[in-house]
Amino acid sequence: MIELLKDTKIDFMGKRKIALAFSAIMMLLGLFAIVQVSRGTANLGIDFAGGTAVQIKFNRTISLQEIRETLTKGGITDFDLQDLPTENKVLIRIKKGEQTLGSLSEKIISVLSAQFSESNVVVDSTTEIGPKVGARLRNDAFWAIMAAIIGILIYITIRFQFTFSVGATVATFHDVLAVLSIFYVMGKEINLILVSALLMIAGYSLTDTVVVFDRIRENLRSKHRMPTVDVVNLSINEVLSRTIITSLTTFFAVAALYVVGGEVVHEFAFAIMCGIIVGTYSSMYVASPIVLLLGEGRARRKK
């Protein structure tokens, strides 16, 4: 690959204590966000909090911005819009509130019909997600992420050794919690779209970490007389150009999706962008330092 940076000698491990302290704060904040999500006190989407989904059909294409402004002026709040342009349909999802399903549907069609009288506004379907279903979805989302992390632990243990698997698992867990904490602090909605993004981030983080681990393992075999900390630093520097190129190209692709992809994929793309940054950081400053600490600890026990 093209080498953007050649013969770098950055002392990554020299800053490992500061990096691990910062990462610990991010993980604690992420764990706090999980507690808030489980209690239902975070900014949850209707997937997790419960609510109503109303699908509206028009006889022509109407932009989401027009619909959003019309509903807001009509006194309808806490809603999400999803466009189905090929069928001239719009899915309106509204979080649970005091309004009943019937009155809410009637209000929506009344507001939209008044604004788009020539568009033949029709309620195509209505769906209500109760709080019990939302709680179950929250629980299933948690176990889906845990299953992915456990799978990573098993995979890295088989491919490398347990020391490496601990580093990869902690780094993956760190990345998921870090992105979740960002969404929680920014007050962004936490829903199934974010869960799908977190699962994708876990896979991306593992891919970058494995590349670094491969080089560390190779150098540990060929440079067994070199101190372990120097081996880890050398390995990260050797793959640094590859890491930057891969992360930048992926980031630019997702950034384009974020800018021009529309409202439907906006939050998903934002989560992936955060995950790329955090995942690149964790492969150097979370996974590698943990492998170093565990390796040095085992060496001391052998002596």
C-alpha atoms as a PDB file:
ATOM      1  CA  MET A   1       0.000   0.000   0.000  1.00  0.00           C
ATOM      2  CA  ILE A   2       0.976   3.637  -0.366  1.00  0.00           C
ATOM      3  CA  GLU A   3       3.025   4.720   2.641  1.00  0.00           C
ATOM      4  CA  LEU A   4       1.802   8.102   3.827  1.00  0.00           C
ATOM      5  CA  LEU A   5       4.182   7.919   6.762  1.00  0.00           C
ATOM      6  CA  LYS A   6       7.561   6.188   6.538  1.00  0.00           C
ATOM      7  CA  ASP A   7       9.833   5.030   9.352  1.00  0.00           C
ATOM      8  CA  THR A   8       7.784   6.634  12.112  1.00  0.00           C
ATOM      9  CA  LYS A   9       9.050   6.211  15.659  1.00  0.00           C
ATOM     10  CA  ILE A  10       6.091   7.406  17.710  1.00  0.00           C
ATOM     11  CA  ASP A  11       6.152   6.282  21.329  1.00  0.00           C
ATOM     12  CA  PHE A  12       2.528   5.087  21.542  1.00  0.00           C
ATOM     13  CA  MET A  13       3.105   3.032  24.679  1.00  0.00           C
ATOM     14  CA  GLY A  14       4.660   5.981  26.458  1.00  0.00           C
ATOM     15  CA  LYS A  15       1.191   7.550  26.654  1.00  0.00           C
ATOM     16  CA  ARG A  16      -0.646   4.331  27.483  1.00  0.00           C
ATOM     17  CA  LYS A  17      -1.519   5.282  31.067  1.00  0.00           C
ATOM     18  CA  ILE A  18      -3.123   8.562  29.984  1.00  0.00           C
ATOM     19  CA  ALA A  19      -4.929   6.816  27.134  1.00  0.00           C
ATOM     20  CA  LEU A  20      -6.217   4.019  29.355  1.00  0.00           C
ATOM     21  CA  ALA A  21      -7.450   6.550  31.934  1.00  0.00           C
ATOM     22  CA  PHE A  22      -9.337   8.448  29.223  1.00  0.00           C
ATOM     23  CA  SER A  23     -10.759   5.200  27.850  1.00  0.00           C
ATOM     24  CA  ALA A  24     -11.859   4.137  31.331  1.00  0.00           C
ATOM     25  CA  ILE A  25     -13.861   7.367  31.650  1.00  0.00           C
ATOM     26  CA  MET A  26     -15.524   6.749  28.286  1.00  0.00           C
ATOM     27  CA  MET A  27     -16.404   3.193  29.286  1.00  0.00           C
ATOM     28  CA  LEU A  28     -17.859   4.287  32.621  1.00  0.00           C
ATOM     29  CA  LEU A  29     -19.965   6.887  30.843  1.00  0.00           C
ATOM     30  CA  GLY A  30     -21.103   4.212  28.397  1.00  0.00           C
ATOM     31  CA  LEU A  31     -22.051   1.875  31.260  1.00  0.00           C
ATOM     32  CA  PHE A  32     -24.007   4.720  32.831  1.00  0.00           C
ATOM     33  CA  ALA A  33     -25.807   5.195  29.511  1.00  0.00           C
ATOM     34  CA  ILE A  34     -26.708   1.484  29.481  1.00  0.00           C
ATOM     35  CA  VAL A  35     -28.200   1.824  32.958  1.00  0.00           C
ATOM     36  CA  GLN A  36     -30.235   4.826  31.835  1.00  0.00           C
ATOM     37  CA  VAL A  37     -31.427   2.966  28.741  1.00  0.00           C
ATOM     38  CA  SER A  38     -32.480  -0.037  30.844  1.00  0.00           C
ATOM     39  CA  ARG A  39     -34.406   2.313  33.139  1.00  0.00           C
ATOM     40  CA  GLY A  40     -36.054   3.979  30.146  1.00  0.00           C
ATOM     41  CA  THR A  41     -34.788   7.437  31.124  1.00  0.00           C
ATOM     42  CA  ALA A  42     -32.551   8.056  28.083  1.00  0.00           C
ATOM     43  CA  ASN A  43     -33.724   9.548  24.794  1.00  0.00           C
ATOM     44  CA  LEU A  44     -35.185   6.313  23.456  1.00  0.00           C
ATOM     45  CA  GLY A  45     -36.842   5.808  20.093  1.00  0.00           C
ATOM     46  CA  ILE A  46     -40.231   4.151  19.845  1.00  0.00           C
ATOM     47  CA  ASP A  47     -38.441   0.835  19.237  1.00  0.00           C
ATOM     48  CA  PHE A  48     -37.369   0.875  22.890  1.00  0.00           C
ATOM     49  CA  ALA A  49     -39.791   3.291  24.570  1.00  0.00           C
ATOM     50  CA  GLY A  50     -43.002   2.295  22.803  1.00  0.00           C
ATOM     51  CA  GLY A  51     -45.189   4.515  20.671  1.00  0.00           C
ATOM     52  CA  THR A  52     -47.185   4.717  17.455  1.00  0.00           C
ATOM     53  CA  ALA A  53     -46.197   4.293  13.819  1.00  0.00           C
ATOM     54  CA  VAL A  54     -48.542   5.749  11.196  1.00  0.00           C
ATOM     55  CA  GLN A  55     -47.946   5.239   7.484  1.00  0.00           C
ATOM     56  CA  ILE A  56     -49.377   7.990   5.289  1.00  0.00           C
ATOM     57  CA  LYS A  57     -49.922   7.690   1.532  1.00  0.00           C
ATOM     58  CA  PHE A  58     -50.033  10.625  -0.910  1.00  0.00           C
ATOM     59  CA  ASN A  59     -50.787  10.777  -4.622  1.00  0.00           C
ATOM     60  CA  ARG A  60     -47.525  12.656  -5.216  1.00  0.00           C
ATOM     61  CA  THR A  61     -44.043  12.922  -3.695  1.00  0.00           C
ATOM     62  CA  ILE A  62     -43.764  15.357  -0.781  1.00  0.00           C
ATOM     63  CA  SER A  63     -40.464  16.187   0.906  1.00  0.00           C
ATOM     64  CA  LEU A  64     -39.842  15.172   4.490  1.00  0.00           C
ATOM     65  CA  GLN A  65     -39.012  18.766   5.392  1.00  0.00           C
ATOM     66  CA  GLU A  66     -42.483  19.926   4.326  1.00  0.00           C
ATOM     67  CA  ILE A  67     -44.130  17.176   6.355  1.00  0.00           C
ATOM     68  CA  ARG A  68     -41.935  17.876   9.369  1.00  0.00           C
ATOM     69  CA  GLU A  69     -42.768  21.587   9.366  1.00  0.00           C
ATOM     70  CA  THR A  70     -46.483  20.868   8.926  1.00  0.00           C
ATOM     71  CA  LEU A  71     -46.647  18.394  11.829  1.00  0.00           C
ATOM     72  CA  THR A  72     -44.671  20.710  14.107  1.00  0.00           C
ATOM     73  CA  LYS A  73     -46.999  23.617  13.367  1.00  0.00           C
ATOM     74  CA  GLY A  74     -49.939  21.299  14.057  1.00  0.00           C
ATOM     75  CA  GLY A  75     -48.691  20.615  17.593  1.00  0.00           C
ATOM     76  CA  ILE A  76     -47.348  17.100  16.994  1.00  0.00           C
ATOM     77  CA  THR A  77     -43.927  16.540  18.569  1.00  0.00           C
ATOM     78  CA  ASP A  78     -41.425  13.741  19.284  1.00  0.00           C
ATOM     79  CA  PHE A  79     -41.799  12.097  15.898  1.00  0.00           C
ATOM     80  CA  ASP A  80     -39.482  10.498  13.338  1.00  0.00           C
ATOM     81  CA  LEU A  81     -40.031  10.392   9.593  1.00  0.00           C
ATOM     82  CA  GLN A  82     -39.028   7.724   7.105  1.00  0.00           C
ATOM     83  CA  ASP A  83     -39.549   8.323   3.406  1.00  0.00           C
ATOM     84  CA  LEU A  84     -40.768   5.696   0.923  1.00  0.00           C
ATOM     85  CA  PRO A  85     -40.513   7.832  -2.238  1.00  0.00           C
ATOM     86  CA  THR A  86     -41.182   5.068  -4.765  1.00  0.00           C
ATOM     87  CA  GLU A  87     -44.644   4.533  -3.280  1.00  0.00           C
ATOM     88  CA  ASN A  88     -45.319   8.156  -2.216  1.00  0.00           C
ATOM     89  CA  LYS A  89     -45.556   7.000   1.379  1.00  0.00           C
ATOM     90  CA  VAL A  90     -44.170   8.398   4.617  1.00  0.00           C
ATOM     91  CA  LEU A  91     -43.815   6.495   7.888  1.00  0.00           C
ATOM     92  CA  ILE A  92     -44.400   8.713  10.943  1.00  0.00           C
ATOM     93  CA  ARG A  93     -43.225   7.267  14.236  1.00  0.00           C
ATOM     94  CA  ILE A  94     -44.320   9.016  17.428  1.00  0.00           C
ATOM     95  CA  LYS A  95     -43.155   8.208  20.929  1.00  0.00           C
ATOM     96  CA  LYS A  96     -45.688   7.126  23.502  1.00  0.00           C
ATOM     97  CA  GLY A  97     -47.736   9.918  25.021  1.00  0.00           C
ATOM     98  CA  GLU A  98     -51.086  10.719  26.505  1.00  0.00           C
ATOM     99  CA  GLN A  99     -52.858  10.679  23.155  1.00  0.00           C
ATOM    100  CA  THR A 100     -54.650   7.492  22.129  1.00  0.00           C
ATOM    101  CA  LEU A 101     -53.903   5.753  18.866  1.00  0.00           C
ATOM    102  CA  GLY A 102     -57.216   6.688  17.265  1.00  0.00           C
ATOM    103  CA  SER A 103     -57.088  10.365  18.150  1.00  0.00           C
ATOM    104  CA  LEU A 104     -53.422  10.573  17.139  1.00  0.00           C
ATOM    105  CA  SER A 105     -54.099   9.108  13.696  1.00  0.00           C
ATOM    106  CA  GLU A 106     -57.025  11.445  13.236  1.00  0.00           C
ATOM    107  CA  LYS A 107     -54.948  14.449  14.246  1.00  0.00           C
ATOM    108  CA  ILE A 108     -52.134  13.525  11.851  1.00  0.00           C
ATOM    109  CA  ILE A 109     -54.408  13.113   8.866  1.00  0.00           C
ATOM    110  CA  SER A 110     -56.291  16.278   9.790  1.00  0.00           C
ATOM    111  CA  VAL A 111     -53.108  18.360   9.945  1.00  0.00           C
ATOM    112  CA  LEU A 112     -51.651  16.911   6.749  1.00  0.00           C
ATOM    113  CA  SER A 113     -54.943  17.088   4.816  1.00  0.00           C
ATOM    114  CA  ALA A 114     -55.288  20.761   5.655  1.00  0.00           C
ATOM    115  CA  GLN A 115     -51.809  21.508   4.311  1.00  0.00           C
ATOM    116  CA  PHE A 116     -51.781  19.095   1.354  1.00  0.00           C
ATOM    117  CA  SER A 117     -55.460  19.078   0.378  1.00  0.00           C
ATOM    118  CA  GLU A 118     -54.673  18.295  -3.262  1.00  0.00           C
ATOM    119  CA  SER A 119     -52.534  15.249  -2.404  1.00  0.00           C
ATOM    120  CA  ASN A 120     -55.310  12.850  -1.277  1.00  0.00           C
ATOM    121  CA  VAL A 121     -53.830  12.097   2.158  1.00  0.00           C
ATOM    122  CA  VAL A 122     -54.723   8.582   3.374  1.00  0.00           C
ATOM    123  CA  VAL A 123     -53.679   6.600   6.470  1.00  0.00           C
ATOM    124  CA  ASP A 124     -52.255   3.434   4.947  1.00  0.00           C
ATOM    125  CA  SER A 125     -51.579   1.601   8.220  1.00  0.00           C
ATOM    126  CA  THR A 126     -51.111   2.152  11.944  1.00  0.00           C
ATOM    127  CA  THR A 127     -48.968   0.219  14.423  1.00  0.00           C
ATOM    128  CA  GLU A 128     -48.611   0.645  18.142  1.00  0.00           C
ATOM    129  CA  ILE A 129     -45.576  -0.583  20.106  1.00  0.00           C
ATOM    130  CA  GLY A 130     -46.359  -1.068  23.774  1.00  0.00           C
ATOM    131  CA  PRO A 131     -43.894  -0.568  26.649  1.00  0.00           C
ATOM    132  CA  LYS A 132     -43.503  -4.335  27.171  1.00  0.00           C
ATOM    133  CA  VAL A 133     -42.462  -4.852  23.569  1.00  0.00           C
ATOM    134  CA  GLY A 134     -40.058  -1.925  23.847  1.00  0.00           C
ATOM    135  CA  ALA A 135     -38.508  -3.409  26.999  1.00  0.00           C
ATOM    136  CA  ARG A 136     -38.063  -6.748  25.246  1.00  0.00           C
ATOM    137  CA  LEU A 137     -36.385  -5.071  22.268  1.00  0.00           C
ATOM    138  CA  ARG A 138     -33.995  -3.288  24.642  1.00  0.00           C
ATOM    139  CA  ASN A 139     -33.130  -6.610  26.260  1.00  0.00           C
ATOM    140  CA  ASP A 140     -32.653  -8.361  22.895  1.00  0.00           C
ATOM    141  CA  ALA A 141     -30.416  -5.534  21.650  1.00  0.00           C
ATOM    142  CA  PHE A 142     -28.192  -5.865  24.735  1.00  0.00           C
ATOM    143  CA  TRP A 143     -27.769  -9.608  24.297  1.00  0.00           C
ATOM    144  CA  ALA A 144     -27.097  -9.219  20.571  1.00  0.00           C
ATOM    145  CA  ILE A 145     -24.139  -6.946  21.348  1.00  0.00           C
ATOM    146  CA  MET A 146     -22.911  -9.272  24.117  1.00  0.00           C
ATOM    147  CA  ALA A 147     -23.098 -12.271  21.771  1.00  0.00           C
ATOM    148  CA  ALA A 148     -20.976 -10.399  19.216  1.00  0.00           C
ATOM    149  CA  ILE A 149     -18.337  -9.560  21.836  1.00  0.00           C
ATOM    150  CA  ILE A 150     -18.241 -13.146  23.148  1.00  0.00           C
ATOM    151  CA  GLY A 151     -17.806 -14.373  19.579  1.00  0.00           C
ATOM    152  CA  ILE A 152     -14.862 -12.006  19.181  1.00  0.00           C
ATOM    153  CA  LEU A 153     -13.293 -13.346  22.384  1.00  0.00           C
ATOM    154  CA  ILE A 154     -13.549 -16.927  21.108  1.00  0.00           C
ATOM    155  CA  TYR A 155     -12.239 -16.054  17.625  1.00  0.00           C
ATOM    156  CA  ILE A 156      -9.165 -14.157  18.843  1.00  0.00           C
ATOM    157  CA  THR A 157      -8.395 -16.878  21.406  1.00  0.00           C
ATOM    158  CA  ILE A 158      -8.334 -19.496  18.643  1.00  0.00           C
ATOM    159  CA  ARG A 159      -6.392 -17.366  16.169  1.00  0.00           C
ATOM    160  CA  PHE A 160      -3.882 -15.845  18.598  1.00  0.00           C
ATOM    161  CA  GLN A 161      -3.897 -16.578  22.311  1.00  0.00           C
ATOM    162  CA  PHE A 162      -5.904 -15.596  25.357  1.00  0.00           C
ATOM    163  CA  THR A 163      -3.755 -12.531  26.094  1.00  0.00           C
ATOM    164  CA  PHE A 164      -4.591 -11.070  22.694  1.00  0.00           C
ATOM    165  CA  SER A 165      -8.273 -12.003  23.003  1.00  0.00           C
ATOM    166  CA  VAL A 166      -8.597 -10.024  26.233  1.00  0.00           C
ATOM    167  CA  GLY A 167      -7.140  -6.937  24.540  1.00  0.00           C
ATOM    168  CA  ALA A 168      -9.396  -7.286  21.491  1.00  0.00           C
ATOM    169  CA  THR A 169     -12.504  -7.892  23.595  1.00  0.00           C
ATOM    170  CA  VAL A 170     -11.862  -4.922  25.881  1.00  0.00           C
ATOM    171  CA  ALA A 171     -11.148  -2.704  22.848  1.00  0.00           C
ATOM    172  CA  THR A 172     -14.374  -3.794  21.142  1.00  0.00           C
ATOM    173  CA  PHE A 173     -16.375  -3.296  24.319  1.00  0.00           C
ATOM    174  CA  HIS A 174     -14.704   0.107  24.695  1.00  0.00           C
ATOM    175  CA  ASP A 175     -15.688   1.176  21.172  1.00  0.00           C
ATOM    176  CA  VAL A 176     -19.332   0.180  21.642  1.00  0.00           C
ATOM    177  CA  LEU A 177     -19.551   1.975  24.990  1.00  0.00           C
ATOM    178  CA  ALA A 178     -17.735   5.057  23.680  1.00  0.00           C
ATOM    179  CA  VAL A 179     -20.139   5.545  20.765  1.00  0.00           C
ATOM    180  CA  LEU A 180     -23.117   4.889  23.041  1.00  0.00           C
ATOM    181  CA  SER A 181     -21.807   7.488  25.505  1.00  0.00           C
ATOM    182  CA  ILE A 182     -21.433  10.031  22.672  1.00  0.00           C
ATOM    183  CA  PHE A 183     -25.064   9.521  21.659  1.00  0.00           C
ATOM    184  CA  TYR A 184     -26.196   9.747  25.280  1.00  0.00           C
ATOM    185  CA  VAL A 185     -24.250  12.942  26.060  1.00  0.00           C
ATOM    186  CA  MET A 186     -25.429  14.600  22.822  1.00  0.00           C
ATOM    187  CA  GLY A 187     -29.031  13.661  23.585  1.00  0.00           C
ATOM    188  CA  LYS A 188     -29.403  11.722  20.345  1.00  0.00           C
ATOM    189  CA  GLU A 189     -32.083   9.087  19.999  1.00  0.00           C
ATOM    190  CA  ILE A 190     -31.114   5.544  20.977  1.00  0.00           C
ATOM    191  CA  ASN A 191     -32.946   2.999  18.837  1.00  0.00           C
ATOM    192  CA  LEU A 192     -32.482  -0.179  16.792  1.00  0.00           C
ATOM    193  CA  ILE A 193     -30.667   1.772  14.077  1.00  0.00           C
ATOM    194  CA  LEU A 194     -27.968   2.644  16.617  1.00  0.00           C
ATOM    195  CA  VAL A 195     -27.781  -1.004  17.702  1.00  0.00           C
ATOM    196  CA  SER A 196     -27.130  -2.089  14.113  1.00  0.00           C
ATOM    197  CA  ALA A 197     -24.419   0.594  13.879  1.00  0.00           C
ATOM    198  CA  LEU A 198     -22.819  -0.633  17.128  1.00  0.00           C
ATOM    199  CA  LEU A 199     -22.667  -4.191  15.797  1.00  0.00           C
ATOM    200  CA  MET A 200     -20.991  -2.903  12.628  1.00  0.00           C
ATOM    201  CA  ILE A 201     -18.545  -0.870  14.725  1.00  0.00           C
ATOM    202  CA  ALA A 202     -17.638  -4.005  16.696  1.00  0.00           C
ATOM    203  CA  GLY A 203     -16.696  -5.761  13.455  1.00  0.00           C
ATOM    204  CA  TYR A 204     -14.705  -2.803  12.133  1.00  0.00           C
ATOM    205  CA  SER A 205     -12.839  -2.408  15.405  1.00  0.00           C
ATOM    206  CA  LEU A 206     -11.876  -6.071  15.390  1.00  0.00           C
ATOM    207  CA  THR A 207     -10.567  -5.870  11.803  1.00  0.00           C
ATOM    208  CA  ASP A 208      -8.200  -3.015  12.608  1.00  0.00           C
ATOM    209  CA  THR A 209      -7.098  -4.625  15.883  1.00  0.00           C
ATOM    210  CA  VAL A 210      -6.266  -7.950  14.195  1.00  0.00           C
ATOM    211  CA  VAL A 211      -3.927  -6.182  11.751  1.00  0.00           C
ATOM    212  CA  VAL A 212      -1.983  -4.649  14.642  1.00  0.00           C
ATOM    213  CA  PHE A 213      -1.977  -7.952  16.542  1.00  0.00           C
ATOM    214  CA  ASP A 214      -0.638  -9.833  13.509  1.00  0.00           C
ATOM    215  CA  ARG A 215       2.343  -7.517  13.322  1.00  0.00           C
ATOM    216  CA  ILE A 216       2.950  -7.713  17.079  1.00  0.00           C
ATOM    217  CA  ARG A 217       2.933 -11.515  16.939  1.00  0.00           C
ATOM    218  CA  GLU A 218       5.353 -11.568  13.992  1.00  0.00           C
ATOM    219  CA  ASN A 219       7.752  -9.167  15.698  1.00  0.00           C
ATOM    220  CA  LEU A 220       7.587 -11.042  19.004  1.00  0.00           C
ATOM    221  CA  ARG A 221       8.851 -14.128  17.147  1.00  0.00           C
ATOM    222  CA  SER A 222      11.545 -12.428  15.068  1.00  0.00           C
ATOM    223  CA  LYS A 223      12.725  -9.893  17.666  1.00  0.00           C
ATOM    224  CA  HIS A 224      12.464 -11.941  20.857  1.00  0.00           C
ATOM    225  CA  ARG A 225      15.427 -10.156  22.449  1.00  0.00           C
ATOM    226  CA  MET A 226      13.841  -6.722  22.070  1.00  0.00           C
ATOM    227  CA  PRO A 227      11.852  -5.460  25.102  1.00  0.00           C
ATOM    228  CA  THR A 228       8.136  -6.104  24.704  1.00  0.00           C
ATOM    229  CA  VAL A 229       7.224  -2.436  24.940  1.00  0.00           C
ATOM    230  CA  ASP A 230       9.591  -1.669  22.041  1.00  0.00           C
ATOM    231  CA  VAL A 231       8.124  -4.519  20.010  1.00  0.00           C
ATOM    232  CA  VAL A 232       4.596  -3.171  20.474  1.00  0.00           C
ATOM    233  CA  ASN A 233       5.669   0.369  19.549  1.00  0.00           C
ATOM    234  CA  LEU A 234       7.547  -0.894  16.492  1.00  0.00           C
ATOM    235  CA  SER A 235       4.552  -2.971  15.355  1.00  0.00           C
ATOM    236  CA  ILE A 236       2.082  -0.099  15.610  1.00  0.00           C
ATOM    237  CA  ASN A 237       4.445   2.212  13.720  1.00  0.00           C
ATOM    238  CA  GLU A 238       4.944  -0.366  10.970  1.00  0.00           C
ATOM    239  CA  VAL A 239       1.200  -0.622  10.264  1.00  0.00           C
ATOM    240  CA  LEU A 240       0.442   3.032  11.005  1.00  0.00           C
ATOM    241  CA  SER A 241       0.315   4.046   7.335  1.00  0.00           C
ATOM    242  CA  ARG A 242      -2.042   1.169   6.534  1.00  0.00           C
ATOM    243  CA  THR A 243      -4.253   2.053   9.514  1.00  0.00           C
ATOM    244  CA  ILE A 244      -4.534   5.720   8.493  1.00  0.00           C
ATOM    245  CA  ILE A 245      -5.297   4.937   4.837  1.00  0.00           C
ATOM    246  CA  THR A 246      -7.944   2.345   5.722  1.00  0.00           C
ATOM    247  CA  SER A 247      -9.597   4.547   8.331  1.00  0.00           C
ATOM    248  CA  LEU A 248      -9.594   7.656   6.119  1.00  0.00           C
ATOM    249  CA  THR A 249     -11.046   5.926   3.055  1.00  0.00           C
ATOM    250  CA  THR A 250     -13.773   4.312   5.168  1.00  0.00           C
ATOM    251  CA  PHE A 251     -14.460   7.580   6.969  1.00  0.00           C
ATOM    252  CA  PHE A 252     -14.805   9.529   3.706  1.00  0.00           C
ATOM    253  CA  ALA A 253     -17.257   6.965   2.319  1.00  0.00           C
ATOM    254  CA  VAL A 254     -19.432   7.148   5.449  1.00  0.00           C
ATOM    255  CA  ALA A 255     -19.100  10.952   5.558  1.00  0.00           C
ATOM    256  CA  ALA A 256     -20.537  11.112   2.037  1.00  0.00           C
ATOM    257  CA  LEU A 257     -23.433   8.958   3.238  1.00  0.00           C
ATOM    258  CA  TYR A 258     -23.867  11.297   6.209  1.00  0.00           C
ATOM    259  CA  VAL A 259     -23.954  14.433   4.044  1.00  0.00           C
ATOM    260  CA  VAL A 260     -26.091  13.313   1.098  1.00  0.00           C
ATOM    261  CA  GLY A 261     -27.750  10.150   2.385  1.00  0.00           C
ATOM    262  CA  GLY A 262     -30.794  11.890   3.783  1.00  0.00           C
ATOM    263  CA  GLU A 263     -32.565  11.862   7.122  1.00  0.00           C
ATOM    264  CA  VAL A 264     -33.127   8.100   7.137  1.00  0.00           C
ATOM    265  CA  VAL A 265     -29.420   7.153   7.359  1.00  0.00           C
ATOM    266  CA  HIS A 266     -28.171  10.329   9.055  1.00  0.00           C
ATOM    267  CA  GLU A 267     -27.876   8.949  12.592  1.00  0.00           C
ATOM    268  CA  PHE A 268     -26.565   5.584  11.380  1.00  0.00           C
ATOM    269  CA  ALA A 269     -23.781   7.258   9.380  1.00  0.00           C
ATOM    270  CA  PHE A 270     -22.913   9.539  12.315  1.00  0.00           C
ATOM    271  CA  ALA A 271     -22.546   6.521  14.613  1.00  0.00           C
ATOM    272  CA  ILE A 272     -20.283   4.749  12.110  1.00  0.00           C
ATOM    273  CA  MET A 273     -18.126   7.875  11.723  1.00  0.00           C
ATOM    274  CA  CYS A 274     -17.663   8.028  15.486  1.00  0.00           C
ATOM    275  CA  GLY A 275     -16.947   4.292  15.533  1.00  0.00           C
ATOM    276  CA  ILE A 276     -14.209   4.584  12.894  1.00  0.00           C
ATOM    277  CA  ILE A 277     -12.408   7.261  14.916  1.00  0.00           C
ATOM    278  CA  VAL A 278     -12.813   5.419  18.215  1.00  0.00           C
ATOM    279  CA  GLY A 279     -11.926   2.038  16.672  1.00  0.00           C
ATOM    280  CA  THR A 280      -8.709   3.374  15.155  1.00  0.00           C
ATOM    281  CA  TYR A 281      -7.752   4.916  18.483  1.00  0.00           C
ATOM    282  CA  SER A 282      -8.559   1.762  20.474  1.00  0.00           C
ATOM    283  CA  SER A 283      -6.446  -0.563  18.322  1.00  0.00           C
ATOM    284  CA  MET A 284      -3.390   1.512  19.256  1.00  0.00           C
ATOM    285  CA  TYR A 285      -4.210   2.833  22.722  1.00  0.00           C
ATOM    286  CA  VAL A 286      -6.527   0.218  24.260  1.00  0.00           C
ATOM    287  CA  ALA A 287      -5.967  -3.236  22.730  1.00  0.00           C
ATOM    288  CA  SER A 288      -2.176  -2.986  22.382  1.00  0.00           C
ATOM    289  CA  PRO A 289      -1.475  -1.600  25.890  1.00  0.00           C
ATOM    290  CA  ILE A 290      -3.602  -4.369  27.429  1.00  0.00           C
ATOM    291  CA  VAL A 291      -1.633  -7.021  25.527  1.00  0.00           C
ATOM    292  CA  LEU A 292       1.574  -5.351  26.726  1.00  0.00           C
ATOM    293  CA  LEU A 293       0.452  -5.260  30.364  1.00  0.00           C
ATOM    294  CA  LEU A 294      -0.719  -8.873  30.360  1.00  0.00           C
ATOM    295  CA  GLY A 295       2.429 -10.021  28.541  1.00  0.00           C
ATOM    296  CA  GLU A 296       4.734  -8.224  30.961  1.00  0.00           C
ATOM    297  CA  GLY A 297       2.779  -9.619  33.905  1.00  0.00           C
ATOM    298  CA  ARG A 298       3.134 -13.174  32.606  1.00  0.00           C
ATOM    299  CA  ALA A 299       6.878 -12.652  32.003  1.00  0.00           C
ATOM    300  CA  ARG A 300       7.353 -11.488  35.592  1.00  0.00           C
ATOM    301  CA  ARG A 301       5.494 -14.526  36.921  1.00  0.00           C
ATOM    302  CA  LYS A 302       7.747 -16.846  34.877  1.00  0.00           C
ATOM    303  CA  LYS A 303      10.878 -15.184  36.289  1.00  0.00           C
END
